[in-house]
N, C-alpha and C. Protein backbone atom coordinates (compact mmCIF):
# COMPACT_ATOMS: atom_id res chain seq x y z
N THR A 1 7.18 8.55 37.41
CA THR A 1 6.51 9.84 37.22
C THR A 1 5.21 9.62 36.47
N THR A 2 4.27 10.54 36.68
CA THR A 2 2.99 10.52 35.97
C THR A 2 2.89 11.76 35.11
N THR A 3 2.62 11.58 33.84
CA THR A 3 2.55 12.71 32.91
C THR A 3 1.21 12.70 32.21
N PHE A 4 0.43 13.75 32.46
CA PHE A 4 -0.85 13.87 31.76
C PHE A 4 -0.59 14.43 30.36
N ASP A 5 -1.30 13.92 29.38
CA ASP A 5 -1.05 14.33 27.99
C ASP A 5 -2.35 14.46 27.23
N GLU A 6 -2.43 15.47 26.38
CA GLU A 6 -3.51 15.60 25.41
C GLU A 6 -2.87 15.85 24.06
N SER A 7 -3.23 15.05 23.07
CA SER A 7 -2.64 15.23 21.74
C SER A 7 -3.59 14.69 20.69
N LEU A 8 -3.34 15.06 19.46
CA LEU A 8 -4.12 14.53 18.35
C LEU A 8 -3.66 13.12 18.03
N GLN A 9 -4.61 12.30 17.59
CA GLN A 9 -4.26 11.00 17.05
C GLN A 9 -3.26 11.20 15.91
N GLY A 10 -2.30 10.29 15.80
CA GLY A 10 -1.23 10.47 14.82
C GLY A 10 -1.71 10.59 13.39
N ASN A 11 -2.86 9.98 13.08
CA ASN A 11 -3.37 10.08 11.71
C ASN A 11 -4.61 10.96 11.63
N SER A 12 -4.75 11.92 12.55
CA SER A 12 -5.85 12.87 12.47
C SER A 12 -5.76 13.67 11.18
N ARG A 13 -6.90 13.99 10.60
CA ARG A 13 -6.90 14.73 9.33
C ARG A 13 -8.27 15.35 9.09
N PHE A 14 -8.30 16.28 8.15
CA PHE A 14 -9.57 16.78 7.65
C PHE A 14 -9.48 16.79 6.13
N GLY A 15 -10.65 16.73 5.49
CA GLY A 15 -10.63 16.69 4.03
C GLY A 15 -12.03 16.71 3.48
N ALA A 16 -12.15 16.39 2.21
CA ALA A 16 -13.45 16.42 1.56
C ALA A 16 -13.45 15.50 0.35
N ASN A 17 -14.62 14.95 0.07
CA ASN A 17 -14.88 14.26 -1.19
C ASN A 17 -15.67 15.23 -2.06
N VAL A 18 -15.17 15.50 -3.24
CA VAL A 18 -15.74 16.54 -4.09
C VAL A 18 -16.39 15.91 -5.32
N LYS A 19 -17.60 16.35 -5.64
CA LYS A 19 -18.27 15.92 -6.86
C LYS A 19 -18.53 17.15 -7.72
N VAL A 20 -17.76 17.29 -8.80
CA VAL A 20 -17.93 18.40 -9.73
C VAL A 20 -19.11 18.12 -10.66
N SER A 21 -19.19 16.88 -11.12
CA SER A 21 -20.28 16.43 -11.99
C SER A 21 -20.33 14.92 -11.91
N ASP A 22 -21.25 14.29 -12.65
CA ASP A 22 -21.31 12.84 -12.66
C ASP A 22 -20.03 12.23 -13.22
N GLU A 23 -19.32 12.98 -14.06
CA GLU A 23 -18.12 12.46 -14.70
C GLU A 23 -16.83 12.82 -13.96
N LEU A 24 -16.84 13.87 -13.16
CA LEU A 24 -15.60 14.36 -12.56
C LEU A 24 -15.75 14.47 -11.05
N THR A 25 -14.94 13.69 -10.32
CA THR A 25 -14.92 13.74 -8.86
C THR A 25 -13.48 13.95 -8.39
N ALA A 26 -13.34 14.33 -7.12
CA ALA A 26 -12.01 14.59 -6.58
C ALA A 26 -12.07 14.46 -5.07
N GLY A 27 -10.91 14.57 -4.42
CA GLY A 27 -10.86 14.51 -2.97
C GLY A 27 -9.53 14.97 -2.45
N PHE A 28 -9.50 15.34 -1.15
CA PHE A 28 -8.25 15.68 -0.51
C PHE A 28 -8.34 15.38 0.98
N GLU A 29 -7.19 15.12 1.59
CA GLU A 29 -7.07 15.00 3.04
C GLU A 29 -5.79 15.69 3.46
N TYR A 30 -5.86 16.48 4.52
CA TYR A 30 -4.69 17.20 5.04
C TYR A 30 -4.42 16.68 6.44
N GLY A 31 -3.19 16.19 6.69
CA GLY A 31 -2.85 15.56 7.96
C GLY A 31 -2.25 16.52 8.96
N THR A 32 -2.11 16.04 10.21
CA THR A 32 -1.60 16.88 11.29
C THR A 32 -0.09 17.08 11.22
N GLY A 33 0.60 16.25 10.48
CA GLY A 33 2.05 16.39 10.36
C GLY A 33 2.44 17.34 9.25
N VAL A 34 1.58 18.30 8.93
CA VAL A 34 1.78 19.26 7.83
C VAL A 34 2.09 18.50 6.55
N ASN A 35 1.23 17.57 6.23
CA ASN A 35 1.43 16.75 5.04
C ASN A 35 0.11 16.58 4.30
N VAL A 36 0.20 16.50 3.00
CA VAL A 36 -0.97 16.22 2.17
C VAL A 36 -1.14 14.71 2.09
N ARG A 37 -2.21 14.20 2.65
CA ARG A 37 -2.48 12.76 2.61
C ARG A 37 -3.07 12.37 1.26
N LYS A 38 -4.09 13.10 0.81
CA LYS A 38 -4.74 12.82 -0.47
C LYS A 38 -4.89 14.12 -1.25
N LEU A 39 -4.70 14.02 -2.55
CA LEU A 39 -4.97 15.14 -3.46
C LEU A 39 -5.06 14.55 -4.86
N TYR A 40 -6.29 14.37 -5.35
CA TYR A 40 -6.47 13.66 -6.61
C TYR A 40 -7.77 14.07 -7.29
N GLY A 41 -7.87 13.75 -8.56
CA GLY A 41 -9.10 13.90 -9.32
C GLY A 41 -9.34 12.65 -10.14
N GLU A 42 -10.60 12.36 -10.41
CA GLU A 42 -10.94 11.16 -11.18
C GLU A 42 -12.01 11.48 -12.21
N TRP A 43 -11.75 11.05 -13.44
CA TRP A 43 -12.65 11.31 -14.57
C TRP A 43 -13.33 10.01 -14.97
N ASP A 44 -14.66 10.01 -14.96
CA ASP A 44 -15.46 8.88 -15.42
C ASP A 44 -15.77 9.10 -16.90
N PHE A 45 -15.14 8.31 -17.77
CA PHE A 45 -15.32 8.50 -19.21
C PHE A 45 -16.28 7.47 -19.81
N GLY A 46 -17.12 6.88 -18.96
CA GLY A 46 -18.16 5.98 -19.45
C GLY A 46 -17.81 4.52 -19.31
N THR A 47 -16.82 4.06 -20.05
CA THR A 47 -16.42 2.66 -19.97
C THR A 47 -15.46 2.40 -18.82
N GLY A 48 -14.96 3.45 -18.20
CA GLY A 48 -14.01 3.32 -17.10
C GLY A 48 -13.76 4.64 -16.42
N LYS A 49 -12.77 4.65 -15.52
CA LYS A 49 -12.40 5.87 -14.80
C LYS A 49 -10.89 6.04 -14.86
N PHE A 50 -10.46 7.31 -14.90
CA PHE A 50 -9.04 7.64 -14.94
C PHE A 50 -8.73 8.58 -13.78
N LEU A 51 -7.84 8.13 -12.87
CA LEU A 51 -7.49 8.90 -11.68
C LEU A 51 -6.08 9.44 -11.80
N VAL A 52 -5.90 10.71 -11.42
CA VAL A 52 -4.59 11.35 -11.39
C VAL A 52 -4.41 11.99 -10.01
N GLY A 53 -3.32 11.68 -9.33
CA GLY A 53 -3.05 12.31 -8.05
C GLY A 53 -2.63 11.33 -7.00
N GLN A 54 -2.71 11.77 -5.75
CA GLN A 54 -2.25 10.95 -4.62
C GLN A 54 -3.42 10.48 -3.78
N THR A 55 -3.54 9.16 -3.64
CA THR A 55 -4.50 8.53 -2.75
C THR A 55 -4.02 7.11 -2.51
N TYR A 56 -4.86 6.25 -1.90
CA TYR A 56 -4.45 4.88 -1.63
C TYR A 56 -4.30 4.11 -2.94
N THR A 57 -3.21 3.36 -3.06
CA THR A 57 -2.96 2.55 -4.24
C THR A 57 -3.77 1.25 -4.15
N PRO A 58 -3.82 0.45 -5.21
CA PRO A 58 -4.61 -0.79 -5.18
C PRO A 58 -4.21 -1.78 -4.08
N LEU A 59 -2.95 -1.74 -3.62
CA LEU A 59 -2.50 -2.68 -2.59
C LEU A 59 -2.69 -2.08 -1.20
N ASN A 60 -3.94 -1.81 -0.84
CA ASN A 60 -4.30 -1.31 0.49
C ASN A 60 -5.64 -1.89 0.88
N TRP A 61 -5.63 -2.77 1.89
CA TRP A 61 -6.86 -3.41 2.35
C TRP A 61 -7.00 -3.16 3.85
N PHE A 62 -8.19 -2.72 4.26
CA PHE A 62 -8.42 -2.38 5.66
C PHE A 62 -9.47 -3.32 6.25
N TYR A 63 -9.05 -4.55 6.56
CA TYR A 63 -9.97 -5.54 7.12
C TYR A 63 -10.16 -5.33 8.62
N SER A 64 -9.09 -4.98 9.30
CA SER A 64 -9.16 -4.78 10.74
C SER A 64 -9.36 -3.30 11.05
N ASN A 65 -10.08 -3.02 12.13
CA ASN A 65 -10.24 -1.65 12.59
C ASN A 65 -9.59 -1.49 13.97
N GLN A 66 -8.52 -2.24 14.22
CA GLN A 66 -7.79 -2.15 15.48
C GLN A 66 -7.20 -0.75 15.62
N VAL A 67 -7.40 -0.10 16.78
CA VAL A 67 -6.98 1.29 16.93
C VAL A 67 -5.71 1.44 17.78
N TYR A 68 -5.30 0.39 18.47
CA TYR A 68 -4.09 0.46 19.29
C TYR A 68 -2.86 0.79 18.44
N ALA A 69 -1.88 1.47 19.04
CA ALA A 69 -0.60 1.80 18.38
C ALA A 69 -0.81 2.73 17.19
N GLY A 70 -1.59 3.80 17.39
CA GLY A 70 -1.75 4.80 16.34
C GLY A 70 -2.60 4.33 15.18
N ASP A 71 -3.71 3.64 15.50
CA ASP A 71 -4.60 3.16 14.45
C ASP A 71 -3.90 2.12 13.57
N GLU A 72 -3.29 1.14 14.24
CA GLU A 72 -2.44 0.17 13.56
C GLU A 72 -3.19 -0.67 12.53
N ASP A 73 -4.44 -1.07 12.86
CA ASP A 73 -5.25 -1.88 11.93
C ASP A 73 -4.60 -3.20 11.53
N LEU A 74 -3.64 -3.69 12.31
CA LEU A 74 -2.89 -4.92 12.00
C LEU A 74 -2.12 -4.82 10.68
N LEU A 75 -1.94 -3.59 10.18
CA LEU A 75 -1.37 -3.44 8.84
C LEU A 75 0.10 -3.87 8.76
N SER A 76 0.86 -3.69 9.82
CA SER A 76 2.26 -4.13 9.77
C SER A 76 2.45 -5.52 10.37
N TYR A 77 1.34 -6.18 10.72
CA TYR A 77 1.41 -7.53 11.30
C TYR A 77 0.58 -8.51 10.48
N GLY A 78 0.76 -8.47 9.18
CA GLY A 78 0.07 -9.41 8.30
C GLY A 78 -0.92 -8.76 7.36
N GLY A 79 -1.24 -7.48 7.58
CA GLY A 79 -2.15 -6.79 6.68
C GLY A 79 -1.48 -6.38 5.38
N VAL A 80 -2.27 -5.82 4.50
CA VAL A 80 -1.78 -5.37 3.19
C VAL A 80 -1.88 -3.85 3.14
N TYR A 81 -0.72 -3.17 3.17
CA TYR A 81 -0.73 -1.71 3.22
C TYR A 81 0.49 -1.16 2.47
N ASN A 82 0.21 -0.44 1.40
CA ASN A 82 1.26 0.21 0.62
C ASN A 82 1.19 1.73 0.74
N GLY A 83 0.17 2.24 1.43
CA GLY A 83 0.07 3.67 1.68
C GLY A 83 -0.50 4.47 0.52
N ARG A 84 -0.42 5.78 0.68
CA ARG A 84 -0.89 6.72 -0.34
C ARG A 84 0.30 7.18 -1.16
N ALA A 85 0.11 7.30 -2.48
CA ALA A 85 1.22 7.68 -3.34
C ALA A 85 0.68 8.35 -4.60
N PRO A 86 1.47 9.21 -5.24
CA PRO A 86 1.08 9.76 -6.54
C PRO A 86 1.00 8.64 -7.58
N MET A 87 -0.04 8.70 -8.43
CA MET A 87 -0.20 7.63 -9.41
C MET A 87 -1.14 8.04 -10.53
N LEU A 88 -1.13 7.24 -11.57
CA LEU A 88 -2.11 7.28 -12.64
C LEU A 88 -2.83 5.94 -12.59
N GLN A 89 -4.15 5.96 -12.46
CA GLN A 89 -4.89 4.71 -12.27
C GLN A 89 -6.10 4.63 -13.20
N LEU A 90 -6.25 3.47 -13.85
CA LEU A 90 -7.41 3.17 -14.67
C LEU A 90 -8.28 2.14 -13.94
N THR A 91 -9.59 2.37 -13.93
CA THR A 91 -10.54 1.47 -13.30
C THR A 91 -11.59 1.05 -14.31
N PHE A 92 -11.79 -0.24 -14.44
CA PHE A 92 -12.84 -0.80 -15.30
C PHE A 92 -13.67 -1.75 -14.43
N GLY A 93 -14.81 -1.30 -13.94
CA GLY A 93 -15.61 -2.12 -13.04
C GLY A 93 -14.86 -2.41 -11.76
N ASN A 94 -14.62 -3.69 -11.48
CA ASN A 94 -13.91 -4.10 -10.27
C ASN A 94 -12.42 -4.35 -10.52
N PHE A 95 -11.92 -3.92 -11.68
CA PHE A 95 -10.51 -4.09 -12.01
C PHE A 95 -9.80 -2.74 -12.00
N LYS A 96 -8.62 -2.69 -11.38
CA LYS A 96 -7.81 -1.47 -11.35
C LYS A 96 -6.38 -1.81 -11.76
N ILE A 97 -5.77 -0.88 -12.48
CA ILE A 97 -4.35 -0.99 -12.78
C ILE A 97 -3.75 0.40 -12.65
N ALA A 98 -2.59 0.50 -12.00
CA ALA A 98 -2.03 1.80 -11.67
C ALA A 98 -0.53 1.84 -11.92
N ALA A 99 -0.06 2.99 -12.42
CA ALA A 99 1.36 3.31 -12.50
C ALA A 99 1.65 4.24 -11.33
N VAL A 100 2.36 3.70 -10.33
CA VAL A 100 2.54 4.37 -9.04
C VAL A 100 3.97 4.92 -8.94
N SER A 101 4.11 6.02 -8.21
CA SER A 101 5.43 6.58 -7.96
C SER A 101 6.35 5.50 -7.39
N PRO A 102 7.52 5.25 -8.00
CA PRO A 102 8.38 4.14 -7.57
C PRO A 102 9.09 4.44 -6.25
N LYS A 103 9.60 3.38 -5.63
CA LYS A 103 10.34 3.48 -4.38
C LYS A 103 11.76 2.97 -4.57
N SER A 104 12.69 3.49 -3.75
CA SER A 104 14.07 2.99 -3.76
C SER A 104 14.71 3.27 -2.41
N GLU A 105 15.64 2.41 -2.03
CA GLU A 105 16.40 2.57 -0.79
C GLU A 105 17.86 2.25 -1.07
N THR A 106 18.76 2.86 -0.29
CA THR A 106 20.19 2.57 -0.44
C THR A 106 20.62 1.37 0.39
N LEU A 107 19.70 0.82 1.22
CA LEU A 107 19.96 -0.41 1.98
C LEU A 107 21.19 -0.29 2.87
N SER A 108 21.41 0.90 3.43
CA SER A 108 22.52 1.17 4.36
C SER A 108 23.90 1.01 3.72
N VAL A 109 23.96 1.04 2.38
CA VAL A 109 25.25 0.98 1.68
C VAL A 109 25.81 2.39 1.60
N ALA A 110 27.01 2.59 2.14
CA ALA A 110 27.61 3.92 2.22
C ALA A 110 27.82 4.51 0.83
N ASN A 111 27.36 5.76 0.66
CA ASN A 111 27.57 6.54 -0.57
C ASN A 111 26.94 5.88 -1.80
N ALA A 112 25.98 5.00 -1.59
CA ALA A 112 25.34 4.33 -2.72
C ALA A 112 24.45 5.30 -3.48
N THR A 113 24.27 5.05 -4.77
CA THR A 113 23.34 5.82 -5.60
C THR A 113 22.32 4.86 -6.20
N THR A 114 21.14 5.38 -6.49
CA THR A 114 20.08 4.55 -7.07
C THR A 114 19.61 5.15 -8.38
N GLU A 115 19.08 4.29 -9.24
CA GLU A 115 18.54 4.73 -10.53
C GLU A 115 17.22 3.99 -10.78
N THR A 116 16.19 4.76 -11.10
CA THR A 116 14.87 4.19 -11.35
C THR A 116 14.41 4.60 -12.74
N THR A 117 13.96 3.64 -13.54
CA THR A 117 13.60 3.94 -14.93
C THR A 117 12.14 3.65 -15.26
N MET A 118 11.36 3.14 -14.29
CA MET A 118 9.96 2.84 -14.57
C MET A 118 9.14 2.98 -13.30
N PRO A 119 7.82 3.18 -13.42
CA PRO A 119 6.98 3.29 -12.23
C PRO A 119 6.75 1.93 -11.57
N LYS A 120 6.29 1.99 -10.35
CA LYS A 120 5.77 0.79 -9.70
C LYS A 120 4.43 0.45 -10.35
N ILE A 121 4.20 -0.82 -10.64
CA ILE A 121 2.97 -1.26 -11.29
C ILE A 121 2.14 -2.07 -10.29
N GLU A 122 0.85 -1.71 -10.15
CA GLU A 122 -0.04 -2.46 -9.28
C GLU A 122 -1.35 -2.76 -10.01
N ALA A 123 -1.93 -3.91 -9.71
CA ALA A 123 -3.21 -4.31 -10.30
C ALA A 123 -4.08 -4.95 -9.23
N TYR A 124 -5.40 -4.86 -9.43
CA TYR A 124 -6.35 -5.33 -8.42
C TYR A 124 -7.63 -5.80 -9.10
N TYR A 125 -8.25 -6.85 -8.53
CA TYR A 125 -9.56 -7.31 -9.02
C TYR A 125 -10.36 -7.86 -7.86
N ARG A 126 -11.69 -7.61 -7.89
CA ARG A 126 -12.59 -8.05 -6.82
C ARG A 126 -13.80 -8.77 -7.42
N LEU A 127 -14.17 -9.87 -6.78
CA LEU A 127 -15.37 -10.62 -7.12
C LEU A 127 -16.36 -10.53 -5.96
N ASN A 128 -17.61 -10.16 -6.25
CA ASN A 128 -18.64 -10.06 -5.24
C ASN A 128 -19.71 -11.12 -5.46
N PHE A 129 -20.09 -11.79 -4.37
CA PHE A 129 -21.17 -12.77 -4.41
C PHE A 129 -22.26 -12.30 -3.44
N ASN A 130 -23.22 -13.14 -3.11
CA ASN A 130 -24.34 -12.73 -2.27
C ASN A 130 -23.88 -12.15 -0.93
N ASN A 131 -23.13 -12.91 -0.18
CA ASN A 131 -22.64 -12.42 1.11
C ASN A 131 -21.14 -12.65 1.27
N THR A 132 -20.47 -12.79 0.14
CA THR A 132 -19.04 -13.11 0.14
C THR A 132 -18.31 -12.26 -0.89
N PHE A 133 -17.06 -11.94 -0.62
CA PHE A 133 -16.22 -11.27 -1.62
C PHE A 133 -14.85 -11.93 -1.64
N VAL A 134 -14.21 -11.86 -2.78
CA VAL A 134 -12.83 -12.31 -2.95
C VAL A 134 -12.10 -11.24 -3.73
N GLU A 135 -10.91 -10.87 -3.29
CA GLU A 135 -10.13 -9.89 -4.03
C GLU A 135 -8.68 -10.33 -4.11
N VAL A 136 -8.04 -9.95 -5.19
CA VAL A 136 -6.65 -10.32 -5.43
C VAL A 136 -5.92 -9.10 -5.97
N ALA A 137 -4.66 -8.96 -5.60
CA ALA A 137 -3.88 -7.80 -6.04
C ALA A 137 -2.41 -8.19 -6.13
N GLY A 138 -1.66 -7.43 -6.91
CA GLY A 138 -0.24 -7.68 -7.04
C GLY A 138 0.49 -6.41 -7.45
N GLY A 139 1.79 -6.40 -7.22
CA GLY A 139 2.58 -5.23 -7.57
C GLY A 139 4.03 -5.58 -7.83
N TYR A 140 4.71 -4.71 -8.60
CA TYR A 140 6.11 -4.91 -8.96
C TYR A 140 6.84 -3.59 -8.97
N ASN A 141 8.03 -3.57 -8.37
CA ASN A 141 8.86 -2.36 -8.32
C ASN A 141 10.32 -2.77 -8.57
N THR A 142 11.05 -1.97 -9.32
CA THR A 142 12.46 -2.30 -9.59
C THR A 142 13.30 -1.03 -9.69
N TYR A 143 14.54 -1.14 -9.25
CA TYR A 143 15.50 -0.05 -9.40
C TYR A 143 16.91 -0.63 -9.31
N SER A 144 17.91 0.18 -9.68
CA SER A 144 19.31 -0.24 -9.62
C SER A 144 20.02 0.49 -8.49
N LEU A 145 20.88 -0.23 -7.77
CA LEU A 145 21.68 0.35 -6.69
C LEU A 145 23.15 0.15 -7.01
N ASN A 146 23.90 1.23 -7.03
CA ASN A 146 25.33 1.16 -7.33
C ASN A 146 26.13 1.29 -6.04
N ASP A 147 26.93 0.26 -5.75
CA ASP A 147 27.78 0.25 -4.56
C ASP A 147 29.18 0.75 -4.94
N PRO A 148 29.55 1.97 -4.54
CA PRO A 148 30.85 2.50 -4.97
C PRO A 148 32.04 1.76 -4.36
N SER A 149 31.84 1.05 -3.26
CA SER A 149 32.96 0.35 -2.63
C SER A 149 33.39 -0.87 -3.43
N THR A 150 32.45 -1.46 -4.19
CA THR A 150 32.78 -2.65 -4.99
C THR A 150 32.63 -2.39 -6.49
N GLY A 151 31.96 -1.29 -6.85
CA GLY A 151 31.73 -1.00 -8.25
C GLY A 151 30.65 -1.86 -8.87
N VAL A 152 29.88 -2.57 -8.04
CA VAL A 152 28.85 -3.48 -8.52
C VAL A 152 27.50 -2.76 -8.54
N GLU A 153 26.73 -2.97 -9.61
CA GLU A 153 25.37 -2.45 -9.70
C GLU A 153 24.40 -3.59 -9.46
N HIS A 154 23.55 -3.45 -8.45
CA HIS A 154 22.59 -4.48 -8.09
C HIS A 154 21.20 -4.08 -8.59
N ASP A 155 20.48 -5.03 -9.16
CA ASP A 155 19.08 -4.82 -9.54
C ASP A 155 18.20 -5.27 -8.39
N ILE A 156 17.49 -4.32 -7.79
CA ILE A 156 16.63 -4.61 -6.65
C ILE A 156 15.20 -4.78 -7.16
N ASP A 157 14.76 -6.02 -7.29
CA ASP A 157 13.41 -6.33 -7.76
C ASP A 157 12.52 -6.67 -6.56
N SER A 158 11.35 -6.04 -6.51
CA SER A 158 10.39 -6.30 -5.44
C SER A 158 9.05 -6.67 -6.05
N TYR A 159 8.37 -7.62 -5.41
CA TYR A 159 7.02 -7.95 -5.86
C TYR A 159 6.17 -8.34 -4.65
N VAL A 160 4.87 -8.18 -4.80
CA VAL A 160 3.91 -8.56 -3.77
C VAL A 160 2.70 -9.19 -4.46
N GLY A 161 2.20 -10.26 -3.91
CA GLY A 161 0.93 -10.87 -4.34
C GLY A 161 0.05 -11.06 -3.13
N ALA A 162 -1.24 -10.72 -3.23
CA ALA A 162 -2.13 -10.79 -2.07
C ALA A 162 -3.49 -11.35 -2.47
N LEU A 163 -4.07 -12.12 -1.55
CA LEU A 163 -5.40 -12.68 -1.72
C LEU A 163 -6.21 -12.41 -0.46
N GLY A 164 -7.40 -11.86 -0.63
CA GLY A 164 -8.26 -11.57 0.50
C GLY A 164 -9.67 -12.05 0.25
N CYS A 165 -10.40 -12.31 1.32
CA CYS A 165 -11.80 -12.74 1.19
C CYS A 165 -12.55 -12.43 2.47
N GLY A 166 -13.87 -12.44 2.38
CA GLY A 166 -14.69 -12.18 3.53
C GLY A 166 -16.09 -12.72 3.32
N VAL A 167 -16.78 -12.97 4.45
CA VAL A 167 -18.15 -13.48 4.40
C VAL A 167 -18.94 -12.83 5.52
N ASN A 168 -20.21 -12.50 5.23
CA ASN A 168 -21.10 -11.88 6.21
C ASN A 168 -22.19 -12.86 6.62
N PHE A 169 -22.42 -12.96 7.92
CA PHE A 169 -23.52 -13.77 8.46
C PHE A 169 -24.43 -12.83 9.25
N ASP A 170 -25.36 -12.19 8.56
CA ASP A 170 -26.24 -11.23 9.21
C ASP A 170 -25.41 -10.14 9.88
N ARG A 171 -25.38 -10.10 11.21
CA ARG A 171 -24.62 -9.06 11.92
C ARG A 171 -23.15 -9.42 12.10
N TYR A 172 -22.77 -10.64 11.78
CA TYR A 172 -21.42 -11.10 12.03
C TYR A 172 -20.64 -11.21 10.72
N TYR A 173 -19.33 -11.07 10.81
CA TYR A 173 -18.52 -11.19 9.61
C TYR A 173 -17.17 -11.83 9.95
N LEU A 174 -16.60 -12.44 8.95
CA LEU A 174 -15.28 -13.06 9.03
C LEU A 174 -14.53 -12.72 7.76
N GLN A 175 -13.33 -12.18 7.91
CA GLN A 175 -12.57 -11.82 6.72
C GLN A 175 -11.07 -11.86 7.03
N GLY A 176 -10.27 -11.92 5.99
CA GLY A 176 -8.84 -11.99 6.20
C GLY A 176 -8.09 -11.99 4.89
N ASN A 177 -6.78 -11.98 5.00
CA ASN A 177 -5.94 -11.97 3.80
C ASN A 177 -4.65 -12.72 4.05
N ILE A 178 -4.00 -13.09 2.95
CA ILE A 178 -2.65 -13.64 2.97
C ILE A 178 -1.87 -12.96 1.86
N PHE A 179 -0.61 -12.64 2.13
CA PHE A 179 0.23 -12.06 1.08
C PHE A 179 1.60 -12.72 1.12
N PHE A 180 2.28 -12.65 0.00
CA PHE A 180 3.67 -13.10 -0.08
C PHE A 180 4.41 -12.09 -0.94
N GLY A 181 5.72 -12.03 -0.75
CA GLY A 181 6.47 -11.06 -1.53
C GLY A 181 7.97 -11.21 -1.35
N GLN A 182 8.68 -10.41 -2.11
CA GLN A 182 10.14 -10.37 -2.05
C GLN A 182 10.59 -8.93 -1.96
N ASN A 183 11.50 -8.64 -1.03
CA ASN A 183 12.06 -7.29 -0.86
C ASN A 183 10.96 -6.24 -0.71
N ILE A 184 10.02 -6.50 0.20
CA ILE A 184 8.88 -5.61 0.32
C ILE A 184 9.21 -4.32 1.06
N GLY A 185 10.41 -4.24 1.67
CA GLY A 185 10.84 -2.99 2.27
C GLY A 185 11.08 -1.92 1.21
N PRO A 186 11.96 -2.17 0.24
CA PRO A 186 12.12 -1.20 -0.86
C PRO A 186 10.85 -1.01 -1.67
N TYR A 187 9.96 -2.00 -1.66
CA TYR A 187 8.68 -1.84 -2.37
C TYR A 187 7.85 -0.74 -1.73
N GLY A 188 7.97 -0.61 -0.40
CA GLY A 188 7.21 0.41 0.32
C GLY A 188 6.07 -0.16 1.14
N MET A 189 6.00 -1.49 1.25
CA MET A 189 4.92 -2.13 1.98
C MET A 189 5.23 -2.15 3.47
N LEU A 190 4.24 -1.81 4.29
CA LEU A 190 4.41 -1.78 5.74
C LEU A 190 4.53 -3.19 6.27
N ASN A 191 5.56 -3.43 7.11
CA ASN A 191 5.78 -4.76 7.66
C ASN A 191 6.69 -4.63 8.87
N ALA A 192 6.25 -5.12 10.03
CA ALA A 192 7.01 -4.97 11.26
C ALA A 192 8.34 -5.73 11.25
N PRO A 193 8.40 -6.98 10.77
CA PRO A 193 9.70 -7.68 10.74
C PRO A 193 10.65 -7.07 9.71
N ASP A 194 11.88 -7.57 9.74
CA ASP A 194 12.88 -7.13 8.76
C ASP A 194 12.39 -7.46 7.35
N ASN A 195 12.41 -6.46 6.47
CA ASN A 195 11.86 -6.70 5.13
C ASN A 195 12.75 -6.17 4.01
N ASP A 196 14.01 -5.88 4.31
CA ASP A 196 14.94 -5.38 3.30
C ASP A 196 15.90 -6.47 2.84
N PRO A 197 16.29 -6.43 1.56
CA PRO A 197 17.39 -7.30 1.12
C PRO A 197 18.71 -6.79 1.71
N ILE A 198 19.74 -7.59 1.59
CA ILE A 198 21.05 -7.24 2.16
C ILE A 198 22.11 -7.27 1.07
N VAL A 199 22.94 -6.24 1.02
CA VAL A 199 24.10 -6.24 0.13
C VAL A 199 25.29 -6.74 0.94
N SER A 200 25.80 -7.94 0.57
CA SER A 200 26.92 -8.56 1.26
C SER A 200 28.07 -8.70 0.29
N GLY A 201 29.03 -7.78 0.38
CA GLY A 201 30.13 -7.78 -0.57
C GLY A 201 29.63 -7.46 -1.96
N THR A 202 29.81 -8.38 -2.89
CA THR A 202 29.32 -8.19 -4.25
C THR A 202 28.01 -8.94 -4.51
N THR A 203 27.41 -9.46 -3.43
CA THR A 203 26.22 -10.29 -3.57
C THR A 203 25.01 -9.59 -2.97
N LEU A 204 23.88 -9.72 -3.65
CA LEU A 204 22.60 -9.24 -3.13
C LEU A 204 21.81 -10.43 -2.61
N VAL A 205 21.42 -10.38 -1.33
CA VAL A 205 20.64 -11.45 -0.71
C VAL A 205 19.19 -10.97 -0.61
N ASP A 206 18.29 -11.57 -1.39
CA ASP A 206 16.88 -11.17 -1.38
C ASP A 206 16.23 -11.58 -0.06
N ASN A 207 15.15 -10.89 0.27
CA ASN A 207 14.42 -11.13 1.50
C ASN A 207 12.98 -11.52 1.16
N ASP A 208 12.59 -12.74 1.49
CA ASP A 208 11.22 -13.21 1.25
C ASP A 208 10.35 -12.90 2.47
N ALA A 209 9.08 -12.60 2.23
CA ALA A 209 8.18 -12.26 3.32
C ALA A 209 6.78 -12.77 3.02
N TYR A 210 6.02 -13.01 4.09
CA TYR A 210 4.61 -13.34 3.93
C TYR A 210 3.87 -12.87 5.18
N GLY A 211 2.57 -12.76 5.07
CA GLY A 211 1.77 -12.34 6.21
C GLY A 211 0.35 -12.85 6.09
N VAL A 212 -0.30 -13.01 7.24
CA VAL A 212 -1.67 -13.51 7.30
C VAL A 212 -2.41 -12.78 8.42
N ILE A 213 -3.64 -12.38 8.18
CA ILE A 213 -4.51 -11.92 9.26
C ILE A 213 -5.90 -12.53 9.08
N ILE A 214 -6.58 -12.76 10.20
CA ILE A 214 -7.97 -13.20 10.21
C ILE A 214 -8.71 -12.31 11.20
N VAL A 215 -9.83 -11.76 10.76
CA VAL A 215 -10.59 -10.82 11.58
C VAL A 215 -12.03 -11.31 11.70
N ALA A 216 -12.53 -11.40 12.92
CA ALA A 216 -13.94 -11.74 13.17
C ALA A 216 -14.58 -10.57 13.90
N GLY A 217 -15.83 -10.26 13.54
CA GLY A 217 -16.48 -9.13 14.18
C GLY A 217 -17.98 -9.22 14.15
N ALA A 218 -18.61 -8.27 14.83
CA ALA A 218 -20.05 -8.19 14.87
C ALA A 218 -20.47 -6.73 14.87
N LYS A 219 -21.54 -6.41 14.14
CA LYS A 219 -22.09 -5.07 14.12
C LYS A 219 -23.21 -4.99 15.17
N ILE A 220 -23.02 -4.15 16.16
CA ILE A 220 -23.97 -4.05 17.27
C ILE A 220 -25.01 -2.98 16.96
């Protein structure tokens, strides 16, 4: 059968970047799935900036502009993507540190309960040279999972470390990243392969992951 279709791109949105003054800026994005993508404000207090609200966290890098599969951008195939989340973020020049809304999963354990006592922590730093940049970022998330069938409480620790770089040659550019991590599914990081730890009886089996992308392009 042949079916003609017209629809919005899955990540279609409208929004605005708002400048109240030199010290106070804000922004919002509203998505097609009746969801708030961004809603935040940022205060420039001179020596740094303080952001409150929901926007992209420090662990989000958009090196590829691949549009196939709903604007995939290679993000689940080696890219670095943690999405938008509520957070408190401090920025000092090219350094950012954020207390992000934490994540937790029951990992398919029947009737399991979870307990979270601290935010997800992320940090980021970027170095700029003449036609080259290098950036590094990392994050940590932890929570407890109680399995009622065994009475065991598991500590689910997740971490991610990422390194990215790029170079421009006039109209041409080359850039890419590598990341490594543990239990990045409960962390909230996008990844196409299996990325969750497994609860096997009274044992927690951690899941290690890594990813790499390289992007070459030209500005026409």
